[in-house]
Amino acid sequence: MCDCVNFIKVDKTPDELNKEFIKHFVSFRKENNLTQDLLGIYSHVNRVKIARIESGMHSPTVKNLLDIIGPLGYTIKIEKIKKDKGN
């Protein structure tokens, strides 16, 4: 284990975090009343690429994500993981 000042032990694996991201990505699209086709039209990102992101077959780059969500008025934010009070 690292003795680094900013290191925290996270409760989720990268795979679990990826699954959570996919769930939030799909929810984002549906909450904005968008089909994959319509999101593709607005973002100029191929619907197939959007479908592959949602199925977990494709890991988007940050630029891909910004291309997809930017035209809808969204951006990406880096957020620190909060420690559980029990840790």
PDB file of N, CA and C in Angstrom:
ATOM      1  N   MET A   1       0.844  -1.178   0.000  1.00  0.00           N
ATOM      2  CA  MET A   1       0.000   0.000   0.000  1.00  0.00           C
ATOM      3  C   MET A   1       0.885   1.235   0.000  1.00  0.00           C
ATOM      4  N   CYS A   2       0.450   2.242  -0.691  1.00  0.00           N
ATOM      5  CA  CYS A   2       1.193   3.497  -0.819  1.00  0.00           C
ATOM      6  C   CYS A   2       0.994   4.355   0.425  1.00  0.00           C
ATOM      7  N   ASP A   3       2.074   4.983   0.888  1.00  0.00           N
ATOM      8  CA  ASP A   3       1.984   5.916   2.006  1.00  0.00           C
ATOM      9  C   ASP A   3       1.794   7.343   1.506  1.00  0.00           C
ATOM     10  N   CYS A   4       1.406   7.501   0.260  1.00  0.00           N
ATOM     11  CA  CYS A   4       1.236   8.822  -0.344  1.00  0.00           C
ATOM     12  C   CYS A   4       0.102   9.575   0.362  1.00  0.00           C
ATOM     13  N   VAL A   5       0.278  10.869   0.497  1.00  0.00           N
ATOM     14  CA  VAL A   5      -0.693  11.706   1.193  1.00  0.00           C
ATOM     15  C   VAL A   5      -2.058  11.676   0.527  1.00  0.00           C
ATOM     16  N   ASN A   6      -2.102  11.706  -0.808  1.00  0.00           N
ATOM     17  CA  ASN A   6      -3.374  11.795  -1.522  1.00  0.00           C
ATOM     18  C   ASN A   6      -3.970  10.442  -1.894  1.00  0.00           C
ATOM     19  N   PHE A   7      -3.329   9.351  -1.507  1.00  0.00           N
ATOM     20  CA  PHE A   7      -3.810   8.016  -1.854  1.00  0.00           C
ATOM     21  C   PHE A   7      -4.970   7.632  -0.948  1.00  0.00           C
ATOM     22  N   ILE A   8      -6.041   7.108  -1.538  1.00  0.00           N
ATOM     23  CA  ILE A   8      -7.125   6.523  -0.752  1.00  0.00           C
ATOM     24  C   ILE A   8      -7.437   5.157  -1.343  1.00  0.00           C
ATOM     25  N   LYS A   9      -7.863   4.275  -0.511  1.00  0.00           N
ATOM     26  CA  LYS A   9      -8.285   2.958  -0.979  1.00  0.00           C
ATOM     27  C   LYS A   9      -9.734   3.080  -1.435  1.00  0.00           C
ATOM     28  N   VAL A  10      -9.986   2.706  -2.680  1.00  0.00           N
ATOM     29  CA  VAL A  10     -11.348   2.795  -3.203  1.00  0.00           C
ATOM     30  C   VAL A  10     -12.060   1.468  -3.015  1.00  0.00           C
ATOM     31  N   ASP A  11     -13.368   1.559  -2.891  1.00  0.00           N
ATOM     32  CA  ASP A  11     -14.180   0.375  -2.642  1.00  0.00           C
ATOM     33  C   ASP A  11     -14.577  -0.352  -3.921  1.00  0.00           C
ATOM     34  N   LYS A  12     -14.335   0.264  -5.081  1.00  0.00           N
ATOM     35  CA  LYS A  12     -14.759  -0.330  -6.342  1.00  0.00           C
ATOM     36  C   LYS A  12     -13.559  -0.554  -7.254  1.00  0.00           C
ATOM     37  N   THR A  13     -13.620  -1.637  -7.989  1.00  0.00           N
ATOM     38  CA  THR A  13     -12.571  -1.941  -8.968  1.00  0.00           C
ATOM     39  C   THR A  13     -12.793  -1.071 -10.211  1.00  0.00           C
ATOM     40  N   PRO A  14     -11.775  -0.947 -11.054  1.00  0.00           N
ATOM     41  CA  PRO A  14     -11.977  -0.218 -12.317  1.00  0.00           C
ATOM     42  C   PRO A  14     -13.122  -0.798 -13.150  1.00  0.00           C
ATOM     43  N   ASP A  15     -13.292  -2.112 -13.150  1.00  0.00           N
ATOM     44  CA  ASP A  15     -14.407  -2.716 -13.893  1.00  0.00           C
ATOM     45  C   ASP A  15     -15.755  -2.292 -13.315  1.00  0.00           C
ATOM     46  N   GLU A  16     -15.846  -2.251 -12.003  1.00  0.00           N
ATOM     47  CA  GLU A  16     -17.096  -1.810 -11.364  1.00  0.00           C
ATOM     48  C   GLU A  16     -17.373  -0.339 -11.660  1.00  0.00           C
ATOM     49  N   LEU A  17     -16.320   0.478 -11.638  1.00  0.00           N
ATOM     50  CA  LEU A  17     -16.484   1.896 -11.962  1.00  0.00           C
ATOM     51  C   LEU A  17     -16.904   2.068 -13.416  1.00  0.00           C
ATOM     52  N   ASN A  18     -16.380   1.243 -14.310  1.00  0.00           N
ATOM     53  CA  ASN A  18     -16.766   1.301 -15.719  1.00  0.00           C
ATOM     54  C   ASN A  18     -18.240   0.941 -15.886  1.00  0.00           C
ATOM     55  N   LYS A  19     -18.691  -0.101 -15.202  1.00  0.00           N
ATOM     56  CA  LYS A  19     -20.104  -0.492 -15.274  1.00  0.00           C
ATOM     57  C   LYS A  19     -21.002   0.626 -14.744  1.00  0.00           C
ATOM     58  N   GLU A  20     -20.559   1.279 -13.691  1.00  0.00           N
ATOM     59  CA  GLU A  20     -21.312   2.396 -13.127  1.00  0.00           C
ATOM     60  C   GLU A  20     -21.359   3.564 -14.120  1.00  0.00           C
ATOM     61  N   PHE A  21     -20.220   3.831 -14.778  1.00  0.00           N
ATOM     62  CA  PHE A  21     -20.184   4.883 -15.798  1.00  0.00           C
ATOM     63  C   PHE A  21     -21.191   4.583 -16.906  1.00  0.00           C
ATOM     64  N   ILE A  22     -21.196   3.347 -17.401  1.00  0.00           N
ATOM     65  CA  ILE A  22     -22.105   2.963 -18.483  1.00  0.00           C
ATOM     66  C   ILE A  22     -23.552   3.178 -18.053  1.00  0.00           C
ATOM     67  N   LYS A  23     -23.867   2.777 -16.837  1.00  0.00           N
ATOM     68  CA  LYS A  23     -25.225   2.957 -16.314  1.00  0.00           C
ATOM     69  C   LYS A  23     -25.599   4.445 -16.317  1.00  0.00           C
ATOM     70  N   HIS A  24     -24.674   5.299 -15.869  1.00  0.00           N
ATOM     71  CA  HIS A  24     -24.935   6.740 -15.836  1.00  0.00           C
ATOM     72  C   HIS A  24     -25.025   7.321 -17.253  1.00  0.00           C
ATOM     73  N   PHE A  25     -24.214   6.806 -18.169  1.00  0.00           N
ATOM     74  CA  PHE A  25     -24.238   7.278 -19.554  1.00  0.00           C
ATOM     75  C   PHE A  25     -25.596   6.986 -20.190  1.00  0.00           C
ATOM     76  N   VAL A  26     -26.106   5.776 -20.004  1.00  0.00           N
ATOM     77  CA  VAL A  26     -27.415   5.397 -20.549  1.00  0.00           C
ATOM     78  C   VAL A  26     -28.512   6.245 -19.894  1.00  0.00           C
ATOM     79  N   SER A  27     -28.424   6.418 -18.572  1.00  0.00           N
ATOM     80  CA  SER A  27     -29.418   7.246 -17.867  1.00  0.00           C
ATOM     81  C   SER A  27     -29.401   8.678 -18.385  1.00  0.00           C
ATOM     82  N   PHE A  28     -28.205   9.218 -18.621  1.00  0.00           N
ATOM     83  CA  PHE A  28     -28.071  10.575 -19.160  1.00  0.00           C
ATOM     84  C   PHE A  28     -28.829  10.693 -20.477  1.00  0.00           C
ATOM     85  N   ARG A  29     -28.628   9.714 -21.362  1.00  0.00           N
ATOM     86  CA  ARG A  29     -29.294   9.759 -22.663  1.00  0.00           C
ATOM     87  C   ARG A  29     -30.804   9.683 -22.517  1.00  0.00           C
ATOM     88  N   LYS A  30     -31.265   8.763 -21.683  1.00  0.00           N
ATOM     89  CA  LYS A  30     -32.709   8.579 -21.519  1.00  0.00           C
ATOM     90  C   LYS A  30     -33.358   9.761 -20.807  1.00  0.00           C
ATOM     91  N   GLU A  31     -32.674  10.339 -19.804  1.00  0.00           N
ATOM     92  CA  GLU A  31     -33.217  11.499 -19.093  1.00  0.00           C
ATOM     93  C   GLU A  31     -33.352  12.706 -20.011  1.00  0.00           C
ATOM     94  N   ASN A  32     -32.565  12.734 -21.072  1.00  0.00           N
ATOM     95  CA  ASN A  32     -32.654  13.808 -22.055  1.00  0.00           C
ATOM     96  C   ASN A  32     -33.563  13.429 -23.228  1.00  0.00           C
ATOM     97  N   ASN A  33     -34.326  12.349 -23.049  1.00  0.00           N
ATOM     98  CA  ASN A  33     -35.300  11.873 -24.042  1.00  0.00           C
ATOM     99  C   ASN A  33     -34.677  11.682 -25.419  1.00  0.00           C
ATOM    100  N   LEU A  34     -33.517  11.029 -25.438  1.00  0.00           N
ATOM    101  CA  LEU A  34     -32.800  10.817 -26.685  1.00  0.00           C
ATOM    102  C   LEU A  34     -32.665   9.332 -26.999  1.00  0.00           C
ATOM    103  N   THR A  35     -32.888   8.991 -28.248  1.00  0.00           N
ATOM    104  CA  THR A  35     -32.534   7.656 -28.715  1.00  0.00           C
ATOM    105  C   THR A  35     -31.050   7.698 -29.059  1.00  0.00           C
ATOM    106  N   GLN A  36     -30.469   6.548 -29.281  1.00  0.00           N
ATOM    107  CA  GLN A  36     -29.072   6.522 -29.723  1.00  0.00           C
ATOM    108  C   GLN A  36     -28.932   7.238 -31.060  1.00  0.00           C
ATOM    109  N   ASP A  37     -29.911   7.065 -31.944  1.00  0.00           N
ATOM    110  CA  ASP A  37     -29.870   7.735 -33.245  1.00  0.00           C
ATOM    111  C   ASP A  37     -29.870   9.253 -33.092  1.00  0.00           C
ATOM    112  N   LEU A  38     -30.770   9.769 -32.272  1.00  0.00           N
ATOM    113  CA  LEU A  38     -30.879  11.209 -32.092  1.00  0.00           C
ATOM    114  C   LEU A  38     -29.628  11.782 -31.419  1.00  0.00           C
ATOM    115  N   LEU A  39     -29.099  11.066 -30.427  1.00  0.00           N
ATOM    116  CA  LEU A  39     -27.866  11.507 -29.785  1.00  0.00           C
ATOM    117  C   LEU A  39     -26.733  11.541 -30.811  1.00  0.00           C
ATOM    118  N   GLY A  40     -26.705  10.566 -31.700  1.00  0.00           N
ATOM    119  CA  GLY A  40     -25.705  10.546 -32.758  1.00  0.00           C
ATOM    120  C   GLY A  40     -25.830  11.734 -33.700  1.00  0.00           C
ATOM    121  N   ILE A  41     -27.061  12.101 -34.022  1.00  0.00           N
ATOM    122  CA  ILE A  41     -27.284  13.255 -34.903  1.00  0.00           C
ATOM    123  C   ILE A  41     -26.817  14.537 -34.223  1.00  0.00           C
ATOM    124  N   TYR A  42     -27.206  14.738 -32.972  1.00  0.00           N
ATOM    125  CA  TYR A  42     -26.824  15.967 -32.253  1.00  0.00           C
ATOM    126  C   TYR A  42     -25.314  16.069 -32.050  1.00  0.00           C
ATOM    127  N   SER A  43     -24.680  14.937 -31.770  1.00  0.00           N
ATOM    128  CA  SER A  43     -23.264  14.959 -31.404  1.00  0.00           C
ATOM    129  C   SER A  43     -22.318  14.732 -32.586  1.00  0.00           C
ATOM    130  N   HIS A  44     -22.872  14.321 -33.721  1.00  0.00           N
ATOM    131  CA  HIS A  44     -22.054  13.971 -34.888  1.00  0.00           C
ATOM    132  C   HIS A  44     -21.132  12.789 -34.581  1.00  0.00           C
ATOM    133  N   VAL A  45     -21.571  11.936 -33.646  1.00  0.00           N
ATOM    134  CA  VAL A  45     -20.861  10.702 -33.317  1.00  0.00           C
ATOM    135  C   VAL A  45     -21.751   9.559 -33.790  1.00  0.00           C
ATOM    136  N   ASN A  46     -21.181   8.625 -34.508  1.00  0.00           N
ATOM    137  CA  ASN A  46     -21.911   7.510 -35.081  1.00  0.00           C
ATOM    138  C   ASN A  46     -22.725   6.778 -34.014  1.00  0.00           C
ATOM    139  N   ARG A  47     -23.991   6.464 -34.346  1.00  0.00           N
ATOM    140  CA  ARG A  47     -24.863   5.743 -33.426  1.00  0.00           C
ATOM    141  C   ARG A  47     -24.258   4.416 -32.999  1.00  0.00           C
ATOM    142  N   VAL A  48     -23.534   3.779 -33.900  1.00  0.00           N
ATOM    143  CA  VAL A  48     -22.907   2.498 -33.572  1.00  0.00           C
ATOM    144  C   VAL A  48     -21.888   2.682 -32.444  1.00  0.00           C
ATOM    145  N   LYS A  49     -21.128   3.771 -32.488  1.00  0.00           N
ATOM    146  CA  LYS A  49     -20.152   4.038 -31.429  1.00  0.00           C
ATOM    147  C   LYS A  49     -20.871   4.260 -30.098  1.00  0.00           C
ATOM    148  N   ILE A  50     -21.985   4.981 -30.122  1.00  0.00           N
ATOM    149  CA  ILE A  50     -22.771   5.203 -28.903  1.00  0.00           C
ATOM    150  C   ILE A  50     -23.288   3.878 -28.366  1.00  0.00           C
ATOM    151  N   ALA A  51     -23.789   3.021 -29.253  1.00  0.00           N
ATOM    152  CA  ALA A  51     -24.282   1.704 -28.836  1.00  0.00           C
ATOM    153  C   ALA A  51     -23.164   0.868 -28.232  1.00  0.00           C
ATOM    154  N   ARG A  52     -21.974   0.936 -28.804  1.00  0.00           N
ATOM    155  CA  ARG A  52     -20.841   0.164 -28.278  1.00  0.00           C
ATOM    156  C   ARG A  52     -20.398   0.683 -26.918  1.00  0.00           C
ATOM    157  N   ILE A  53     -20.465   1.997 -26.710  1.00  0.00           N
ATOM    158  CA  ILE A  53     -20.160   2.553 -25.385  1.00  0.00           C
ATOM    159  C   ILE A  53     -21.159   2.015 -24.372  1.00  0.00           C
ATOM    160  N   GLU A  54     -22.440   2.055 -24.732  1.00  0.00           N
ATOM    161  CA  GLU A  54     -23.494   1.616 -23.808  1.00  0.00           C
ATOM    162  C   GLU A  54     -23.444   0.122 -23.526  1.00  0.00           C
ATOM    163  N   SER A  55     -22.924  -0.655 -24.453  1.00  0.00           N
ATOM    164  CA  SER A  55     -22.849  -2.109 -24.234  1.00  0.00           C
ATOM    165  C   SER A  55     -21.545  -2.515 -23.553  1.00  0.00           C
ATOM    166  N   GLY A  56     -20.626  -1.555 -23.401  1.00  0.00           N
ATOM    167  CA  GLY A  56     -19.338  -1.865 -22.787  1.00  0.00           C
ATOM    168  C   GLY A  56     -18.323  -2.419 -23.766  1.00  0.00           C
ATOM    169  N   MET A  57     -18.659  -2.430 -25.054  1.00  0.00           N
ATOM    170  CA  MET A  57     -17.739  -2.950 -26.065  1.00  0.00           C
ATOM    171  C   MET A  57     -16.666  -1.932 -26.446  1.00  0.00           C
ATOM    172  N   HIS A  58     -16.920  -0.658 -26.157  1.00  0.00           N
ATOM    173  CA  HIS A  58     -15.999   0.411 -26.544  1.00  0.00           C
ATOM    174  C   HIS A  58     -15.799   1.344 -25.354  1.00  0.00           C
ATOM    175  N   SER A  59     -14.546   1.647 -25.053  1.00  0.00           N
ATOM    176  CA  SER A  59     -14.240   2.627 -24.017  1.00  0.00           C
ATOM    177  C   SER A  59     -13.957   3.956 -24.711  1.00  0.00           C
ATOM    178  N   PRO A  60     -14.815   4.942 -24.493  1.00  0.00           N
ATOM    179  CA  PRO A  60     -14.639   6.202 -25.197  1.00  0.00           C
ATOM    180  C   PRO A  60     -13.456   6.997 -24.661  1.00  0.00           C
ATOM    181  N   THR A  61     -12.876   7.800 -25.528  1.00  0.00           N
ATOM    182  CA  THR A  61     -11.855   8.733 -25.065  1.00  0.00           C
ATOM    183  C   THR A  61     -12.574   9.922 -24.432  1.00  0.00           C
ATOM    184  N   VAL A  62     -11.835  10.727 -23.719  1.00  0.00           N
ATOM    185  CA  VAL A  62     -12.421  11.939 -23.142  1.00  0.00           C
ATOM    186  C   VAL A  62     -12.968  12.818 -24.264  1.00  0.00           C
ATOM    187  N   LYS A  63     -12.226  12.912 -25.366  1.00  0.00           N
ATOM    188  CA  LYS A  63     -12.698  13.723 -26.491  1.00  0.00           C
ATOM    189  C   LYS A  63     -14.011  13.176 -27.046  1.00  0.00           C
ATOM    190  N   ASN A  64     -14.126  11.851 -27.180  1.00  0.00           N
ATOM    191  CA  ASN A  64     -15.389  11.260 -27.646  1.00  0.00           C
ATOM    192  C   ASN A  64     -16.541  11.665 -26.737  1.00  0.00           C
ATOM    193  N   LEU A  65     -16.309  11.576 -25.429  1.00  0.00           N
ATOM    194  CA  LEU A  65     -17.367  11.935 -24.483  1.00  0.00           C
ATOM    195  C   LEU A  65     -17.755  13.400 -24.615  1.00  0.00           C
ATOM    196  N   LEU A  66     -16.752  14.268 -24.747  1.00  0.00           N
ATOM    197  CA  LEU A  66     -17.042  15.693 -24.906  1.00  0.00           C
ATOM    198  C   LEU A  66     -17.783  15.956 -26.215  1.00  0.00           C
ATOM    199  N   ASP A  67     -17.431  15.224 -27.265  1.00  0.00           N
ATOM    200  CA  ASP A  67     -18.137  15.348 -28.545  1.00  0.00           C
ATOM    201  C   ASP A  67     -19.600  14.948 -28.399  1.00  0.00           C
ATOM    202  N   ILE A  68     -19.857  13.934 -27.582  1.00  0.00           N
ATOM    203  CA  ILE A  68     -21.215  13.414 -27.418  1.00  0.00           C
ATOM    204  C   ILE A  68     -22.051  14.323 -26.524  1.00  0.00           C
ATOM    205  N   ILE A  69     -21.523  14.730 -25.382  1.00  0.00           N
ATOM    206  CA  ILE A  69     -22.336  15.466 -24.409  1.00  0.00           C
ATOM    207  C   ILE A  69     -22.271  16.983 -24.560  1.00  0.00           C
ATOM    208  N   GLY A  70     -21.215  17.495 -25.194  1.00  0.00           N
ATOM    209  CA  GLY A  70     -21.047  18.938 -25.349  1.00  0.00           C
ATOM    210  C   GLY A  70     -22.207  19.635 -26.038  1.00  0.00           C
ATOM    211  N   PRO A  71     -22.687  19.116 -27.182  1.00  0.00           N
ATOM    212  CA  PRO A  71     -23.795  19.781 -27.872  1.00  0.00           C
ATOM    213  C   PRO A  71     -25.086  19.841 -27.051  1.00  0.00           C
ATOM    214  N   LEU A  72     -25.156  19.051 -25.994  1.00  0.00           N
ATOM    215  CA  LEU A  72     -26.347  19.065 -25.134  1.00  0.00           C
ATOM    216  C   LEU A  72     -26.151  19.959 -23.909  1.00  0.00           C
ATOM    217  N   GLY A  73     -24.992  20.638 -23.853  1.00  0.00           N
ATOM    218  CA  GLY A  73     -24.740  21.562 -22.752  1.00  0.00           C
ATOM    219  C   GLY A  73     -24.102  20.930 -21.528  1.00  0.00           C
ATOM    220  N   TYR A  74     -23.451  19.783 -21.701  1.00  0.00           N
ATOM    221  CA  TYR A  74     -22.809  19.085 -20.583  1.00  0.00           C
ATOM    222  C   TYR A  74     -21.294  19.065 -20.763  1.00  0.00           C
ATOM    223  N   THR A  75     -20.593  18.818 -19.681  1.00  0.00           N
ATOM    224  CA  THR A  75     -19.152  18.645 -19.721  1.00  0.00           C
ATOM    225  C   THR A  75     -18.770  17.524 -18.769  1.00  0.00           C
ATOM    226  N   ILE A  76     -17.483  17.257 -18.661  1.00  0.00           N
ATOM    227  CA  ILE A  76     -16.972  16.224 -17.762  1.00  0.00           C
ATOM    228  C   ILE A  76     -16.275  16.905 -16.600  1.00  0.00           C
ATOM    229  N   LYS A  77     -16.425  16.351 -15.430  1.00  0.00           N
ATOM    230  CA  LYS A  77     -15.827  16.918 -14.230  1.00  0.00           C
ATOM    231  C   LYS A  77     -15.044  15.829 -13.510  1.00  0.00           C
ATOM    232  N   ILE A  78     -13.835  16.155 -13.075  1.00  0.00           N
ATOM    233  CA  ILE A  78     -13.064  15.229 -12.252  1.00  0.00           C
ATOM    234  C   ILE A  78     -13.463  15.499 -10.808  1.00  0.00           C
ATOM    235  N   GLU A  79     -13.843  14.430 -10.124  1.00  0.00           N
ATOM    236  CA  GLU A  79     -14.360  14.580  -8.771  1.00  0.00           C
ATOM    237  C   GLU A  79     -13.660  13.598  -7.849  1.00  0.00           C
ATOM    238  N   LYS A  80     -13.232  14.073  -6.701  1.00  0.00           N
ATOM    239  CA  LYS A  80     -12.562  13.221  -5.734  1.00  0.00           C
ATOM    240  C   LYS A  80     -13.552  12.220  -5.137  1.00  0.00           C
ATOM    241  N   ILE A  81     -13.112  10.995  -4.993  1.00  0.00           N
ATOM    242  CA  ILE A  81     -13.920   9.961  -4.367  1.00  0.00           C
ATOM    243  C   ILE A  81     -13.949  10.215  -2.883  1.00  0.00           C
ATOM    244  N   LYS A  82     -15.139  10.212  -2.322  1.00  0.00           N
ATOM    245  CA  LYS A  82     -15.273  10.460  -0.890  1.00  0.00           C
ATOM    246  C   LYS A  82     -15.054   9.171  -0.115  1.00  0.00           C
ATOM    247  N   LYS A  83     -14.299   9.274   0.967  1.00  0.00           N
ATOM    248  CA  LYS A  83     -14.075   8.098   1.815  1.00  0.00           C
ATOM    249  C   LYS A  83     -15.328   7.802   2.622  1.00  0.00           C
ATOM    250  N   ASP A  84     -15.582   6.513   2.823  1.00  0.00           N
ATOM    251  CA  ASP A  84     -16.655   6.121   3.738  1.00  0.00           C
ATOM    252  C   ASP A  84     -16.229   6.492   5.138  1.00  0.00           C
ATOM    253  N   LYS A  85     -17.176   6.902   5.961  1.00  0.00           N
ATOM    254  CA  LYS A  85     -16.841   7.288   7.335  1.00  0.00           C
ATOM    255  C   LYS A  85     -16.331   6.103   8.140  1.00  0.00           C
ATOM    256  N   GLY A  86     -16.635   4.891   7.688  1.00  0.00           N
ATOM    257  CA  GLY A  86     -16.190   3.689   8.386  1.00  0.00           C
ATOM    258  C   GLY A  86     -14.745   3.341   8.096  1.00  0.00           C
ATOM    259  N   ASN A  87     -14.105   3.970   7.099  1.00  0.00           N
ATOM    260  CA  ASN A  87     -12.725   3.652   6.715  1.00  0.00           C
ATOM    261  C   ASN A  87     -11.730   4.460   7.509  1.00  0.00           C
TER     262      ASN A  87
END
